[in-house]
Amino acid sequence: MDESFDCYDTEPGPETPGQGSENQGSRPYIGISFECCNIYVRVYRKPEDMHYRARCPRCLREARLRVGPGGTSARMFRAF
């Protein structure tokens, strides 16, 4: 099953040191809470990629989030 579904920001909070690509040597990542199975995963991407791709480890639903100008600074998302 390759079903994509919507993701949205959780409440934005203060940036935590060590998150994102702001720190040299760190890989950019986001956190996604898969509401389908109540599981949290951390998703990394290559700095040159323009999207994050994650799968729920239980039901294998897919979430894809694009990276682009005018995006959000949120690091946590919920997927339904």
C-alpha atoms as a PDB file:
ATOM      1  CA  MET A   1       0.000   0.000   0.000  1.00  0.00           C
ATOM      2  CA  ASP A   2       1.544   3.331  -1.061  1.00  0.00           C
ATOM      3  CA  GLU A   3      -1.000   5.730   0.406  1.00  0.00           C
ATOM      4  CA  SER A   4       0.059   9.332   1.021  1.00  0.00           C
ATOM      5  CA  PHE A   5      -1.762  11.545   3.462  1.00  0.00           C
ATOM      6  CA  ASP A   6      -1.680  15.061   4.850  1.00  0.00           C
ATOM      7  CA  CYS A   7       0.756  16.375   7.446  1.00  0.00           C
ATOM      8  CA  TYR A   8       0.439  19.598   9.365  1.00  0.00           C
ATOM      9  CA  ASP A   9       2.483  21.589  11.868  1.00  0.00           C
ATOM     10  CA  THR A  10       2.116  21.089  15.570  1.00  0.00           C
ATOM     11  CA  GLU A  11       2.394  24.199  17.702  1.00  0.00           C
ATOM     12  CA  PRO A  12       5.708  25.899  16.937  1.00  0.00           C
ATOM     13  CA  GLY A  13       8.092  26.026  19.852  1.00  0.00           C
ATOM     14  CA  PRO A  14      11.546  27.433  20.418  1.00  0.00           C
ATOM     15  CA  GLU A  15      14.256  25.879  18.300  1.00  0.00           C
ATOM     16  CA  THR A  16      16.305  23.306  20.158  1.00  0.00           C
ATOM     17  CA  PRO A  17      20.082  23.388  19.591  1.00  0.00           C
ATOM     18  CA  GLY A  18      21.211  20.536  17.383  1.00  0.00           C
ATOM     19  CA  GLN A  19      18.117  20.474  15.201  1.00  0.00           C
ATOM     20  CA  GLY A  20      18.032  21.111  11.498  1.00  0.00           C
ATOM     21  CA  SER A  21      20.793  22.097   9.143  1.00  0.00           C
ATOM     22  CA  GLU A  22      21.764  25.229  11.059  1.00  0.00           C
ATOM     23  CA  ASN A  23      24.595  23.406  12.830  1.00  0.00           C
ATOM     24  CA  GLN A  24      27.565  22.380  10.724  1.00  0.00           C
ATOM     25  CA  GLY A  25      27.976  18.645  10.357  1.00  0.00           C
ATOM     26  CA  SER A  26      24.403  17.812  11.367  1.00  0.00           C
ATOM     27  CA  ARG A  27      21.922  16.215   9.000  1.00  0.00           C
ATOM     28  CA  PRO A  28      18.593  18.037   8.688  1.00  0.00           C
ATOM     29  CA  TYR A  29      15.670  16.188  10.245  1.00  0.00           C
ATOM     30  CA  ILE A  30      12.071  16.538  11.355  1.00  0.00           C
ATOM     31  CA  GLY A  31       9.868  14.575  13.731  1.00  0.00           C
ATOM     32  CA  ILE A  32       6.596  13.039  12.546  1.00  0.00           C
ATOM     33  CA  SER A  33       3.925  11.576  14.782  1.00  0.00           C
ATOM     34  CA  PHE A  34       1.965   8.970  12.815  1.00  0.00           C
ATOM     35  CA  GLU A  35      -1.526   9.195  14.305  1.00  0.00           C
ATOM     36  CA  CYS A  36      -2.616   6.037  12.461  1.00  0.00           C
ATOM     37  CA  CYS A  37      -0.572   3.856  14.848  1.00  0.00           C
ATOM     38  CA  ASN A  38       0.400   6.376  17.538  1.00  0.00           C
ATOM     39  CA  ILE A  39       4.130   6.223  16.689  1.00  0.00           C
ATOM     40  CA  TYR A  40       6.766   8.982  16.553  1.00  0.00           C
ATOM     41  CA  VAL A  41       9.659   8.807  14.091  1.00  0.00           C
ATOM     42  CA  ARG A  42      12.586  11.090  13.346  1.00  0.00           C
ATOM     43  CA  VAL A  43      13.150  11.543   9.611  1.00  0.00           C
ATOM     44  CA  TYR A  44      16.509  12.580   8.159  1.00  0.00           C
ATOM     45  CA  ARG A  45      17.209  13.839   4.661  1.00  0.00           C
ATOM     46  CA  LYS A  46      20.290  14.482   2.593  1.00  0.00           C
ATOM     47  CA  PRO A  47      21.103  18.212   2.482  1.00  0.00           C
ATOM     48  CA  GLU A  48      20.693  18.236  -1.304  1.00  0.00           C
ATOM     49  CA  ASP A  49      17.230  16.582  -1.246  1.00  0.00           C
ATOM     50  CA  MET A  50      14.162  18.805  -1.445  1.00  0.00           C
ATOM     51  CA  HIS A  51      11.781  16.552   0.502  1.00  0.00           C
ATOM     52  CA  TYR A  52      11.442  14.351   3.555  1.00  0.00           C
ATOM     53  CA  ARG A  53       9.961  10.877   3.088  1.00  0.00           C
ATOM     54  CA  ALA A  54       8.785   8.756   6.004  1.00  0.00           C
ATOM     55  CA  ARG A  55       6.808   5.582   6.544  1.00  0.00           C
ATOM     56  CA  CYS A  56       4.862   4.478   9.572  1.00  0.00           C
ATOM     57  CA  PRO A  57       6.804   1.490  10.914  1.00  0.00           C
ATOM     58  CA  ARG A  58       3.604  -0.471  11.617  1.00  0.00           C
ATOM     59  CA  CYS A  59       1.173   0.106   8.746  1.00  0.00           C
ATOM     60  CA  LEU A  60       3.706   1.503   6.210  1.00  0.00           C
ATOM     61  CA  ARG A  61       1.674   4.588   5.299  1.00  0.00           C
ATOM     62  CA  GLU A  62       3.857   7.174   3.627  1.00  0.00           C
ATOM     63  CA  ALA A  63       4.288  10.852   4.431  1.00  0.00           C
ATOM     64  CA  ARG A  64       6.166  13.224   2.108  1.00  0.00           C
ATOM     65  CA  LEU A  65       6.992  16.812   3.000  1.00  0.00           C
ATOM     66  CA  ARG A  66       8.584  19.206   0.533  1.00  0.00           C
ATOM     67  CA  VAL A  67      11.302  21.660   1.479  1.00  0.00           C
ATOM     68  CA  GLY A  68      11.128  25.052  -0.157  1.00  0.00           C
ATOM     69  CA  PRO A  69      11.246  28.805   0.175  1.00  0.00           C
ATOM     70  CA  GLY A  70       8.488  30.288   2.281  1.00  0.00           C
ATOM     71  CA  GLY A  71       8.080  27.032   4.205  1.00  0.00           C
ATOM     72  CA  THR A  72       7.767  26.600   7.929  1.00  0.00           C
ATOM     73  CA  SER A  73      10.393  26.541  10.653  1.00  0.00           C
ATOM     74  CA  ALA A  74       8.422  23.857  12.534  1.00  0.00           C
ATOM     75  CA  ARG A  75      10.359  20.678  13.312  1.00  0.00           C
ATOM     76  CA  MET A  76       7.438  18.521  14.508  1.00  0.00           C
ATOM     77  CA  PHE A  77       4.512  17.331  12.380  1.00  0.00           C
ATOM     78  CA  ARG A  78       1.478  15.089  12.780  1.00  0.00           C
ATOM     79  CA  ALA A  79       0.394  12.748   9.994  1.00  0.00           C
ATOM     80  CA  PHE A  80      -3.125  11.302   9.743  1.00  0.00           C
END
